[in-house]
């Protein structure tokens, strides 16, 4: 009997890549502001996943903190204010760390 080389987790990730890959290419092709909107949404989803990986059962304060920083960074990127993007991301990461440490 032959064993399946793909675990359910690998199948899920391949399925996600099959769906998200074309979406990324379309967003890149359409350019601004679609790419900024797409990246902001994707970053928000990654903040949610990170919050869950850190053991949060619900979207906690650290997740909301990162989401807010990502929204500020997305708006600043659309406005071509990359200095604000950098500040928002660094400050958001530090604030999310403090929020996560406080919730432990």
Protein backbone atom coordinates (compact mmCIF):
# COMPACT_ATOMS: atom_id res chain seq x y z
CA UNK A 1 0.00 0.00 0.00
CA UNK A 2 1.37 3.39 -1.01
CA UNK A 3 1.41 6.20 1.53
CA UNK A 4 0.11 9.67 0.65
CA UNK A 5 3.06 12.13 0.80
CA UNK A 6 0.79 15.11 1.55
CA UNK A 7 -0.51 15.58 5.06
CA UNK A 8 -3.80 17.47 5.58
CA UNK A 9 -1.77 20.53 6.62
CA UNK A 10 0.26 20.45 3.38
CA UNK A 11 -2.95 20.05 1.36
CA UNK A 12 -4.47 23.06 3.13
CA UNK A 13 -1.40 25.19 2.42
CA UNK A 14 -1.29 24.12 -1.23
CA UNK A 15 -4.99 24.98 -1.57
CA UNK A 16 -4.38 28.40 -0.02
CA UNK A 17 -1.49 29.02 -2.41
CA UNK A 18 -3.64 28.00 -5.39
CA UNK A 19 -6.30 30.54 -4.39
CA UNK A 20 -4.09 33.37 -3.11
CA UNK A 21 -1.40 33.19 -5.81
CA UNK A 22 -3.62 34.40 -8.65
CA UNK A 23 -5.16 37.03 -6.36
CA UNK A 24 -1.69 38.44 -5.63
CA UNK A 25 -0.82 38.53 -9.32
CA UNK A 26 -4.05 40.38 -10.16
CA UNK A 27 -3.46 42.88 -7.34
CA UNK A 28 0.08 43.52 -8.60
CA UNK A 29 -1.17 43.92 -12.16
CA UNK A 30 -3.89 46.40 -11.10
CA UNK A 31 -1.40 48.42 -9.05
CA UNK A 32 -2.27 51.18 -6.64
CA UNK A 33 -4.58 51.37 -4.63
CA UNK A 34 -5.56 47.71 -5.07
CA UNK A 35 -2.15 46.41 -4.00
CA UNK A 36 -2.18 48.53 -0.80
CA UNK A 37 -5.69 47.33 0.06
CA UNK A 38 -4.76 43.70 -0.63
CA UNK A 39 -1.57 43.90 1.43
CA UNK A 40 -3.38 45.57 4.34
CA UNK A 41 -6.05 42.84 4.38
CA UNK A 42 -3.42 40.11 4.10
CA UNK A 43 -1.40 41.66 6.92
CA UNK A 44 -4.52 41.83 9.09
CA UNK A 45 -5.18 38.15 8.48
CA UNK A 46 -1.57 37.37 9.37
CA UNK A 47 -1.96 39.37 12.62
CA UNK A 48 -5.04 37.28 13.43
CA UNK A 49 -3.15 34.05 12.73
CA UNK A 50 -0.18 35.21 14.79
CA UNK A 51 -2.52 35.98 17.69
CA UNK A 52 -3.90 32.44 17.48
CA UNK A 53 -0.41 30.92 17.22
CA UNK A 54 0.51 32.77 20.42
CA UNK A 55 -2.25 30.92 22.23
CA UNK A 56 -5.07 33.45 22.12
CA UNK A 57 -8.49 31.81 21.79
CA UNK A 58 -10.00 35.04 20.52
CA UNK A 59 -8.57 38.06 18.77
CA UNK A 60 -6.90 39.75 21.74
CA UNK A 61 -5.43 43.14 22.49
CA UNK A 62 -2.13 42.31 20.79
CA UNK A 63 -3.98 41.37 17.60
CA UNK A 64 -6.07 44.54 17.62
CA UNK A 65 -2.93 46.57 18.25
CA UNK A 66 -1.19 45.03 15.24
CA UNK A 67 -4.29 45.40 13.10
CA UNK A 68 -4.49 49.12 13.91
CA UNK A 69 -0.78 49.58 13.13
CA UNK A 70 -1.23 47.71 9.85
CA UNK A 71 -4.20 49.87 8.85
CA UNK A 72 -2.19 53.02 9.57
CA UNK A 73 0.71 51.60 7.56
CA UNK A 74 -1.62 50.70 4.66
CA UNK A 75 -3.11 54.17 4.53
CA UNK A 76 0.35 55.72 4.75
CA UNK A 77 1.61 53.47 1.95
CA UNK A 78 -1.28 54.57 -0.25
CA UNK A 79 -0.33 58.18 0.50
CA UNK A 80 3.31 57.34 -0.36
CA UNK A 81 4.44 58.30 3.17
CA UNK A 82 6.89 55.47 3.69
CA UNK A 83 8.44 57.19 6.70
CA UNK A 84 5.07 56.83 8.49
CA UNK A 85 4.80 53.22 7.28
CA UNK A 86 8.10 52.38 8.97
CA UNK A 87 7.17 54.17 12.20
CA UNK A 88 3.71 52.55 12.32
CA UNK A 89 5.12 49.05 11.80
CA UNK A 90 7.91 49.38 14.39
CA UNK A 91 5.65 51.08 16.96
CA UNK A 92 2.87 48.56 16.28
CA UNK A 93 5.18 45.59 16.72
CA UNK A 94 6.51 47.00 20.01
CA UNK A 95 3.00 47.80 21.28
CA UNK A 96 1.74 44.34 20.28
CA UNK A 97 4.65 42.75 22.15
CA UNK A 98 3.82 44.74 25.28
CA UNK A 99 0.11 43.85 24.94
CA UNK A 100 0.92 40.15 24.48
CA UNK A 101 3.28 40.14 27.46
CA UNK A 102 0.67 41.86 29.62
CA UNK A 103 -1.97 39.26 28.73
CA UNK A 104 0.25 36.33 29.82
